[in-house]
Amino acid sequence: MKATKLPTLVALCLPLLASAVDGVELLKKVDRNLEPESYESYRKLINIEPNGAKKEFVIYSVKKGKDQVATLFLSPASDKGRSTLRQGDNMWLYIPNVGKPMRITSLQSVTGGVFNNADIMRLDYAVEYDVKSVEEKGETYLLDLKAKTGEVAYDRLVMTVDRKLVLPTEIVAYASSGMLMKTLYLKDIKDFGGGIKRPATIETDSPLYKGYKSVMLYSGLKKKDFPDEVFTQGFMARMEELRK
């Protein structure tokens, strides 16, 4: 039987299809390169006002799996002992001596700066976003991400990813109306040990907060497993126990 030749156009396209970047796998790799699936970390959040005034927060954070995050405020003294919990799209804030945890939303900010609660208690990007397209641009990939549900803080993200490190260097966030909400700049690659090498600094600014800027500095990021009890409302008052 005589072999049938592929049409020339199809034959030419096959190598291109074979080399196409799998956006979903790329985004999952970005997630794991940024953070282990379960970990603990310390962060300093600095809010900078247009006049140069600064307010700093130090928080301890833990994460388990892809959608459970809890944080504890260590300073300033006025916020010490406060904690937050995120389970998927649901978030709570616990304030000592106030009573039971109260509901908060992703677009609010427990620190009052440009970083909102979704930024501070971030889930894996692959959990919240679908990859609409991947573009190769020189030494970077450009990922166009669309929120899977209306509960996500940003409707669309445009993420610039370093091709060699597979780490984001810039993330531009948009509302469903197309309005620019903020830009995140990831810089200062640091080796945290345990195979974790990621940006130690995230800066953000927003046209919604003209002249304001917020900075997030990572330290002590390492893999660690936690029991499910840690990610419950009942444990929010006991977060300090994790640091002993």
C-alpha atoms as a PDB file:
ATOM      1  CA  MET A   1       0.000   0.000   0.000  1.00  0.00           C
ATOM      2  CA  LYS A   2       1.343   3.402  -0.923  1.00  0.00           C
ATOM      3  CA  ALA A   3       1.895   5.753   2.042  1.00  0.00           C
ATOM      4  CA  THR A   4      -0.170   8.910   1.995  1.00  0.00           C
ATOM      5  CA  LYS A   5       1.842  12.086   2.320  1.00  0.00           C
ATOM      6  CA  LEU A   6       0.692  14.752   4.764  1.00  0.00           C
ATOM      7  CA  PRO A   7      -0.312  18.003   3.104  1.00  0.00           C
ATOM      8  CA  THR A   8       2.635  20.375   3.127  1.00  0.00           C
ATOM      9  CA  LEU A   9       0.917  22.963   5.378  1.00  0.00           C
ATOM     10  CA  VAL A  10       0.005  20.372   8.029  1.00  0.00           C
ATOM     11  CA  ALA A  11       3.507  18.929   7.955  1.00  0.00           C
ATOM     12  CA  LEU A  12       4.988  22.366   8.512  1.00  0.00           C
ATOM     13  CA  CYS A  13       2.667  23.066  11.428  1.00  0.00           C
ATOM     14  CA  LEU A  14       3.447  19.855  13.347  1.00  0.00           C
ATOM     15  CA  PRO A  15       6.814  21.028  14.727  1.00  0.00           C
ATOM     16  CA  LEU A  16       5.190  24.254  15.890  1.00  0.00           C
ATOM     17  CA  LEU A  17       2.445  22.370  17.684  1.00  0.00           C
ATOM     18  CA  ALA A  18       4.933  20.015  19.275  1.00  0.00           C
ATOM     19  CA  SER A  19       7.000  22.901  20.639  1.00  0.00           C
ATOM     20  CA  ALA A  20       4.054  24.968  21.884  1.00  0.00           C
ATOM     21  CA  VAL A  21       4.272  25.887  25.565  1.00  0.00           C
ATOM     22  CA  ASP A  22       1.734  24.193  27.858  1.00  0.00           C
ATOM     23  CA  GLY A  23       0.376  27.225  29.700  1.00  0.00           C
ATOM     24  CA  VAL A  24      -1.315  25.237  32.468  1.00  0.00           C
ATOM     25  CA  GLU A  25       1.853  23.317  33.310  1.00  0.00           C
ATOM     26  CA  LEU A  26       3.895  26.508  33.106  1.00  0.00           C
ATOM     27  CA  LEU A  27       1.595  28.259  35.594  1.00  0.00           C
ATOM     28  CA  LYS A  28       1.747  25.283  37.969  1.00  0.00           C
ATOM     29  CA  LYS A  29       5.532  25.405  37.809  1.00  0.00           C
ATOM     30  CA  VAL A  30       5.448  29.139  38.574  1.00  0.00           C
ATOM     31  CA  ASP A  31       3.333  28.373  41.653  1.00  0.00           C
ATOM     32  CA  ARG A  32       5.753  25.746  42.953  1.00  0.00           C
ATOM     33  CA  ASN A  33       8.815  27.857  42.211  1.00  0.00           C
ATOM     34  CA  LEU A  34       7.317  30.727  44.189  1.00  0.00           C
ATOM     35  CA  GLU A  35       6.328  28.621  47.182  1.00  0.00           C
ATOM     36  CA  PRO A  36       6.150  24.987  48.282  1.00  0.00           C
ATOM     37  CA  GLU A  37       2.632  23.596  48.453  1.00  0.00           C
ATOM     38  CA  SER A  38       2.838  23.659  52.265  1.00  0.00           C
ATOM     39  CA  TYR A  39       5.162  26.088  54.029  1.00  0.00           C
ATOM     40  CA  GLU A  40       5.786  28.709  56.687  1.00  0.00           C
ATOM     41  CA  SER A  41       7.283  32.152  56.147  1.00  0.00           C
ATOM     42  CA  TYR A  42       7.884  35.537  57.728  1.00  0.00           C
ATOM     43  CA  ARG A  43       7.132  38.729  55.862  1.00  0.00           C
ATOM     44  CA  LYS A  44       7.507  42.433  56.481  1.00  0.00           C
ATOM     45  CA  LEU A  45       4.879  44.620  54.822  1.00  0.00           C
ATOM     46  CA  ILE A  46       5.722  48.298  54.396  1.00  0.00           C
ATOM     47  CA  ASN A  47       3.132  50.871  53.372  1.00  0.00           C
ATOM     48  CA  ILE A  48       4.666  54.074  51.988  1.00  0.00           C
ATOM     49  CA  GLU A  49       2.573  57.241  51.746  1.00  0.00           C
ATOM     50  CA  PRO A  50       3.092  60.044  49.190  1.00  0.00           C
ATOM     51  CA  ASN A  51       4.823  62.193  51.847  1.00  0.00           C
ATOM     52  CA  GLY A  52       7.297  59.359  52.591  1.00  0.00           C
ATOM     53  CA  ALA A  53       5.701  58.262  55.865  1.00  0.00           C
ATOM     54  CA  LYS A  54       5.901  54.517  56.455  1.00  0.00           C
ATOM     55  CA  LYS A  55       3.979  51.934  58.444  1.00  0.00           C
ATOM     56  CA  GLU A  56       5.423  48.456  58.876  1.00  0.00           C
ATOM     57  CA  PHE A  57       3.862  45.110  59.751  1.00  0.00           C
ATOM     58  CA  VAL A  58       5.578  41.804  60.473  1.00  0.00           C
ATOM     59  CA  ILE A  59       3.505  38.688  59.861  1.00  0.00           C
ATOM     60  CA  TYR A  60       3.995  34.949  60.155  1.00  0.00           C
ATOM     61  CA  SER A  61       2.224  32.908  57.461  1.00  0.00           C
ATOM     62  CA  VAL A  62       1.465  29.234  56.962  1.00  0.00           C
ATOM     63  CA  LYS A  63      -0.097  27.470  53.993  1.00  0.00           C
ATOM     64  CA  LYS A  64      -1.342  23.934  53.393  1.00  0.00           C
ATOM     65  CA  GLY A  65      -2.254  22.536  50.014  1.00  0.00           C
ATOM     66  CA  LYS A  66      -3.482  24.859  47.317  1.00  0.00           C
ATOM     67  CA  ASP A  67      -6.184  26.862  49.105  1.00  0.00           C
ATOM     68  CA  GLN A  68      -5.614  27.119  52.863  1.00  0.00           C
ATOM     69  CA  VAL A  69      -3.640  30.052  54.274  1.00  0.00           C
ATOM     70  CA  ALA A  70      -3.366  31.520  57.781  1.00  0.00           C
ATOM     71  CA  THR A  71      -1.392  34.520  59.037  1.00  0.00           C
ATOM     72  CA  LEU A  72      -0.445  35.945  62.447  1.00  0.00           C
ATOM     73  CA  PHE A  73       0.513  39.582  63.085  1.00  0.00           C
ATOM     74  CA  LEU A  74       3.666  39.947  65.192  1.00  0.00           C
ATOM     75  CA  SER A  75       3.996  43.745  64.996  1.00  0.00           C
ATOM     76  CA  PRO A  76       3.194  46.587  65.406  1.00  0.00           C
ATOM     77  CA  ALA A  77       2.010  46.249  69.011  1.00  0.00           C
ATOM     78  CA  SER A  78      -1.445  47.548  68.068  1.00  0.00           C
ATOM     79  CA  ASP A  79      -1.935  44.589  65.705  1.00  0.00           C
ATOM     80  CA  LYS A  80      -0.032  41.870  67.583  1.00  0.00           C
ATOM     81  CA  GLY A  81      -2.094  38.710  68.010  1.00  0.00           C
ATOM     82  CA  ARG A  82      -4.446  39.420  65.145  1.00  0.00           C
ATOM     83  CA  SER A  83      -4.758  36.547  62.710  1.00  0.00           C
ATOM     84  CA  THR A  84      -6.387  35.838  59.371  1.00  0.00           C
ATOM     85  CA  LEU A  85      -7.617  32.641  57.778  1.00  0.00           C
ATOM     86  CA  ARG A  86      -8.370  31.811  54.174  1.00  0.00           C
ATOM     87  CA  GLN A  87     -10.158  28.701  52.972  1.00  0.00           C
ATOM     88  CA  GLY A  88     -10.634  28.990  49.231  1.00  0.00           C
ATOM     89  CA  ASP A  89     -12.712  32.127  48.608  1.00  0.00           C
ATOM     90  CA  ASN A  90     -13.647  32.532  52.295  1.00  0.00           C
ATOM     91  CA  MET A  91     -11.640  34.811  54.609  1.00  0.00           C
ATOM     92  CA  TRP A  92     -11.820  35.741  58.290  1.00  0.00           C
ATOM     93  CA  LEU A  93     -10.063  38.166  60.638  1.00  0.00           C
ATOM     94  CA  TYR A  94      -9.593  37.421  64.339  1.00  0.00           C
ATOM     95  CA  ILE A  95      -8.936  40.308  66.747  1.00  0.00           C
ATOM     96  CA  PRO A  96      -8.046  39.421  70.357  1.00  0.00           C
ATOM     97  CA  ASN A  97     -10.706  40.421  72.908  1.00  0.00           C
ATOM     98  CA  VAL A  98     -13.283  41.086  70.191  1.00  0.00           C
ATOM     99  CA  GLY A  99     -14.884  37.660  70.086  1.00  0.00           C
ATOM    100  CA  LYS A 100     -15.491  35.345  67.188  1.00  0.00           C
ATOM    101  CA  PRO A 101     -13.702  35.804  63.836  1.00  0.00           C
ATOM    102  CA  MET A 102     -15.309  38.246  61.407  1.00  0.00           C
ATOM    103  CA  ARG A 103     -15.709  37.846  57.677  1.00  0.00           C
ATOM    104  CA  ILE A 104     -13.480  39.892  55.381  1.00  0.00           C
ATOM    105  CA  THR A 105     -13.255  40.107  51.598  1.00  0.00           C
ATOM    106  CA  SER A 106     -10.425  39.647  49.112  1.00  0.00           C
ATOM    107  CA  LEU A 107     -10.406  43.310  48.017  1.00  0.00           C
ATOM    108  CA  GLN A 108     -10.235  44.687  51.550  1.00  0.00           C
ATOM    109  CA  SER A 109      -6.843  45.115  53.226  1.00  0.00           C
ATOM    110  CA  VAL A 110      -6.062  44.135  56.806  1.00  0.00           C
ATOM    111  CA  THR A 111      -2.922  46.284  56.558  1.00  0.00           C
ATOM    112  CA  GLY A 112      -4.558  49.287  54.904  1.00  0.00           C
ATOM    113  CA  GLY A 113      -2.041  49.541  52.056  1.00  0.00           C
ATOM    114  CA  VAL A 114      -1.999  48.798  48.347  1.00  0.00           C
ATOM    115  CA  PHE A 115      -1.743  45.050  49.037  1.00  0.00           C
ATOM    116  CA  ASN A 116      -5.237  43.640  49.561  1.00  0.00           C
ATOM    117  CA  ASN A 117      -6.183  40.492  51.460  1.00  0.00           C
ATOM    118  CA  ALA A 118      -5.910  38.352  48.326  1.00  0.00           C
ATOM    119  CA  ASP A 119      -2.305  39.534  47.866  1.00  0.00           C
ATOM    120  CA  ILE A 120      -1.411  38.852  51.506  1.00  0.00           C
ATOM    121  CA  MET A 121      -3.164  35.449  51.621  1.00  0.00           C
ATOM    122  CA  ARG A 122      -2.437  34.385  48.071  1.00  0.00           C
ATOM    123  CA  LEU A 123      -3.564  31.018  46.739  1.00  0.00           C
ATOM    124  CA  ASP A 124      -1.859  29.168  43.892  1.00  0.00           C
ATOM    125  CA  TYR A 125      -2.433  31.096  40.658  1.00  0.00           C
ATOM    126  CA  ALA A 126      -3.440  27.845  38.924  1.00  0.00           C
ATOM    127  CA  VAL A 127      -6.267  27.434  41.462  1.00  0.00           C
ATOM    128  CA  GLU A 128      -7.841  30.797  40.669  1.00  0.00           C
ATOM    129  CA  TYR A 129      -6.950  31.391  37.011  1.00  0.00           C
ATOM    130  CA  ASP A 130      -7.233  29.760  33.603  1.00  0.00           C
ATOM    131  CA  VAL A 131      -4.482  30.360  31.070  1.00  0.00           C
ATOM    132  CA  LYS A 132      -5.945  32.109  28.029  1.00  0.00           C
ATOM    133  CA  SER A 133      -2.687  32.398  26.103  1.00  0.00           C
ATOM    134  CA  VAL A 134       1.102  32.107  26.340  1.00  0.00           C
ATOM    135  CA  GLU A 135       3.428  34.269  24.265  1.00  0.00           C
ATOM    136  CA  GLU A 136       7.176  33.798  24.045  1.00  0.00           C
ATOM    137  CA  LYS A 137       8.933  37.169  24.084  1.00  0.00           C
ATOM    138  CA  GLY A 138      12.723  36.954  24.100  1.00  0.00           C
ATOM    139  CA  GLU A 139      13.860  35.816  27.533  1.00  0.00           C
ATOM    140  CA  THR A 140      10.337  35.824  28.952  1.00  0.00           C
ATOM    141  CA  TYR A 141       6.911  34.247  28.667  1.00  0.00           C
ATOM    142  CA  LEU A 142       3.820  36.438  28.706  1.00  0.00           C
ATOM    143  CA  LEU A 143       0.888  34.660  30.359  1.00  0.00           C
ATOM    144  CA  ASP A 144      -2.643  36.006  29.935  1.00  0.00           C
ATOM    145  CA  LEU A 145      -4.733  34.696  32.847  1.00  0.00           C
ATOM    146  CA  LYS A 146      -8.509  34.845  33.315  1.00  0.00           C
ATOM    147  CA  ALA A 147     -10.239  34.360  36.674  1.00  0.00           C
ATOM    148  CA  LYS A 148     -12.163  31.099  36.946  1.00  0.00           C
ATOM    149  CA  THR A 149     -14.937  32.694  39.032  1.00  0.00           C
ATOM    150  CA  GLY A 150     -16.273  36.113  39.960  1.00  0.00           C
ATOM    151  CA  GLU A 151     -15.010  35.613  43.524  1.00  0.00           C
ATOM    152  CA  VAL A 152     -11.367  36.150  42.503  1.00  0.00           C
ATOM    153  CA  ALA A 153      -9.876  39.553  43.399  1.00  0.00           C
ATOM    154  CA  TYR A 154      -8.701  40.308  39.849  1.00  0.00           C
ATOM    155  CA  ASP A 155     -10.583  39.350  36.708  1.00  0.00           C
ATOM    156  CA  ARG A 156      -7.431  39.226  34.570  1.00  0.00           C
ATOM    157  CA  LEU A 157      -3.691  39.033  35.115  1.00  0.00           C
ATOM    158  CA  VAL A 158      -0.915  39.587  32.599  1.00  0.00           C
ATOM    159  CA  MET A 159       2.151  37.843  34.024  1.00  0.00           C
ATOM    160  CA  THR A 160       5.689  38.260  32.717  1.00  0.00           C
ATOM    161  CA  VAL A 161       7.737  35.144  33.532  1.00  0.00           C
ATOM    162  CA  ASP A 162      11.513  34.732  33.319  1.00  0.00           C
ATOM    163  CA  ARG A 163      12.014  31.770  30.954  1.00  0.00           C
ATOM    164  CA  LYS A 164      15.175  30.498  32.623  1.00  0.00           C
ATOM    165  CA  LEU A 165      14.046  30.716  36.249  1.00  0.00           C
ATOM    166  CA  VAL A 166      10.310  30.185  35.556  1.00  0.00           C
ATOM    167  CA  LEU A 167       9.522  32.946  38.038  1.00  0.00           C
ATOM    168  CA  PRO A 168       7.317  35.993  37.495  1.00  0.00           C
ATOM    169  CA  THR A 169       8.986  39.403  37.303  1.00  0.00           C
ATOM    170  CA  GLU A 170       5.850  41.521  36.820  1.00  0.00           C
ATOM    171  CA  ILE A 171       2.116  40.932  37.240  1.00  0.00           C
ATOM    172  CA  VAL A 172      -0.437  43.438  35.960  1.00  0.00           C
ATOM    173  CA  ALA A 173      -3.927  43.086  37.463  1.00  0.00           C
ATOM    174  CA  TYR A 174      -7.189  44.208  35.845  1.00  0.00           C
ATOM    175  CA  ALA A 175     -10.831  44.423  36.893  1.00  0.00           C
ATOM    176  CA  SER A 176     -13.619  42.861  34.795  1.00  0.00           C
ATOM    177  CA  SER A 177     -14.241  46.341  33.313  1.00  0.00           C
ATOM    178  CA  GLY A 178     -10.696  46.330  31.945  1.00  0.00           C
ATOM    179  CA  MET A 179      -9.545  48.944  34.465  1.00  0.00           C
ATOM    180  CA  LEU A 180      -5.948  48.629  35.648  1.00  0.00           C
ATOM    181  CA  MET A 181      -6.046  47.835  39.373  1.00  0.00           C
ATOM    182  CA  LYS A 182      -2.360  47.439  40.237  1.00  0.00           C
ATOM    183  CA  THR A 183       1.029  46.239  39.102  1.00  0.00           C
ATOM    184  CA  LEU A 184       3.207  43.867  41.133  1.00  0.00           C
ATOM    185  CA  TYR A 185       6.983  43.908  40.661  1.00  0.00           C
ATOM    186  CA  LEU A 186       8.873  40.804  41.852  1.00  0.00           C
ATOM    187  CA  LYS A 187      12.609  41.263  42.366  1.00  0.00           C
ATOM    188  CA  ASP A 188      15.702  40.350  44.421  1.00  0.00           C
ATOM    189  CA  ILE A 189      15.990  36.603  43.756  1.00  0.00           C
ATOM    190  CA  LYS A 190      17.115  34.891  46.977  1.00  0.00           C
ATOM    191  CA  ASP A 191      18.032  31.298  47.825  1.00  0.00           C
ATOM    192  CA  PHE A 192      15.948  30.382  50.874  1.00  0.00           C
ATOM    193  CA  GLY A 193      17.411  26.876  51.054  1.00  0.00           C
ATOM    194  CA  GLY A 194      15.599  23.574  50.632  1.00  0.00           C
ATOM    195  CA  GLY A 195      15.418  24.085  46.875  1.00  0.00           C
ATOM    196  CA  ILE A 196      13.460  27.359  47.208  1.00  0.00           C
ATOM    197  CA  LYS A 197      14.859  30.194  45.106  1.00  0.00           C
ATOM    198  CA  ARG A 198      12.428  33.031  44.488  1.00  0.00           C
ATOM    199  CA  PRO A 199      11.967  36.826  44.618  1.00  0.00           C
ATOM    200  CA  ALA A 200      12.432  38.120  48.177  1.00  0.00           C
ATOM    201  CA  THR A 201      10.799  41.470  47.385  1.00  0.00           C
ATOM    202  CA  ILE A 202       7.405  42.331  45.920  1.00  0.00           C
ATOM    203  CA  GLU A 203       6.505  45.968  45.300  1.00  0.00           C
ATOM    204  CA  THR A 204       3.148  47.242  44.157  1.00  0.00           C
ATOM    205  CA  ASP A 205       1.540  50.486  43.079  1.00  0.00           C
ATOM    206  CA  SER A 206      -1.919  51.318  41.786  1.00  0.00           C
ATOM    207  CA  PRO A 207      -3.616  54.134  39.867  1.00  0.00           C
ATOM    208  CA  LEU A 208      -6.359  53.800  42.504  1.00  0.00           C
ATOM    209  CA  TYR A 209      -3.879  54.890  45.211  1.00  0.00           C
ATOM    210  CA  LYS A 210      -1.887  57.631  43.512  1.00  0.00           C
ATOM    211  CA  GLY A 211       1.480  58.226  45.157  1.00  0.00           C
ATOM    212  CA  TYR A 212       1.165  55.258  47.511  1.00  0.00           C
ATOM    213  CA  LYS A 213       3.341  52.167  47.365  1.00  0.00           C
ATOM    214  CA  SER A 214       3.527  48.922  49.341  1.00  0.00           C
ATOM    215  CA  VAL A 215       6.452  46.534  49.683  1.00  0.00           C
ATOM    216  CA  MET A 216       6.498  42.905  50.859  1.00  0.00           C
ATOM    217  CA  LEU A 217       9.806  41.402  52.054  1.00  0.00           C
ATOM    218  CA  TYR A 218      10.112  37.616  52.504  1.00  0.00           C
ATOM    219  CA  SER A 219      12.338  35.797  55.005  1.00  0.00           C
ATOM    220  CA  GLY A 220      12.415  32.365  56.639  1.00  0.00           C
ATOM    221  CA  LEU A 221      10.457  30.674  53.862  1.00  0.00           C
ATOM    222  CA  LYS A 222      10.643  26.895  54.215  1.00  0.00           C
ATOM    223  CA  LYS A 223       8.648  23.746  53.624  1.00  0.00           C
ATOM    224  CA  LYS A 224       6.571  22.620  56.569  1.00  0.00           C
ATOM    225  CA  ASP A 225       3.493  20.459  57.068  1.00  0.00           C
ATOM    226  CA  PHE A 226       0.628  21.355  59.378  1.00  0.00           C
ATOM    227  CA  PRO A 227      -2.417  19.488  60.717  1.00  0.00           C
ATOM    228  CA  ASP A 228      -5.815  20.457  59.298  1.00  0.00           C
ATOM    229  CA  GLU A 229      -6.798  21.940  62.674  1.00  0.00           C
ATOM    230  CA  VAL A 230      -4.476  24.913  62.035  1.00  0.00           C
ATOM    231  CA  PHE A 231      -6.730  26.095  59.203  1.00  0.00           C
ATOM    232  CA  THR A 232      -9.940  26.396  61.217  1.00  0.00           C
ATOM    233  CA  GLN A 233     -11.618  29.368  62.885  1.00  0.00           C
ATOM    234  CA  GLY A 234     -11.174  27.689  66.256  1.00  0.00           C
ATOM    235  CA  PHE A 235      -7.376  27.787  65.908  1.00  0.00           C
ATOM    236  CA  MET A 236      -7.100  31.471  64.956  1.00  0.00           C
ATOM    237  CA  ALA A 237      -6.523  32.541  68.575  1.00  0.00           C
ATOM    238  CA  ARG A 238      -3.774  29.935  68.959  1.00  0.00           C
ATOM    239  CA  MET A 239      -1.587  30.759  65.943  1.00  0.00           C
ATOM    240  CA  GLU A 240       1.352  31.725  68.187  1.00  0.00           C
ATOM    241  CA  GLU A 241       1.652  28.040  69.193  1.00  0.00           C
ATOM    242  CA  LEU A 242       3.034  27.249  65.727  1.00  0.00           C
ATOM    243  CA  ARG A 243       6.142  29.362  66.360  1.00  0.00           C
ATOM    244  CA  LYS A 244       7.201  27.572  69.573  1.00  0.00           C
END
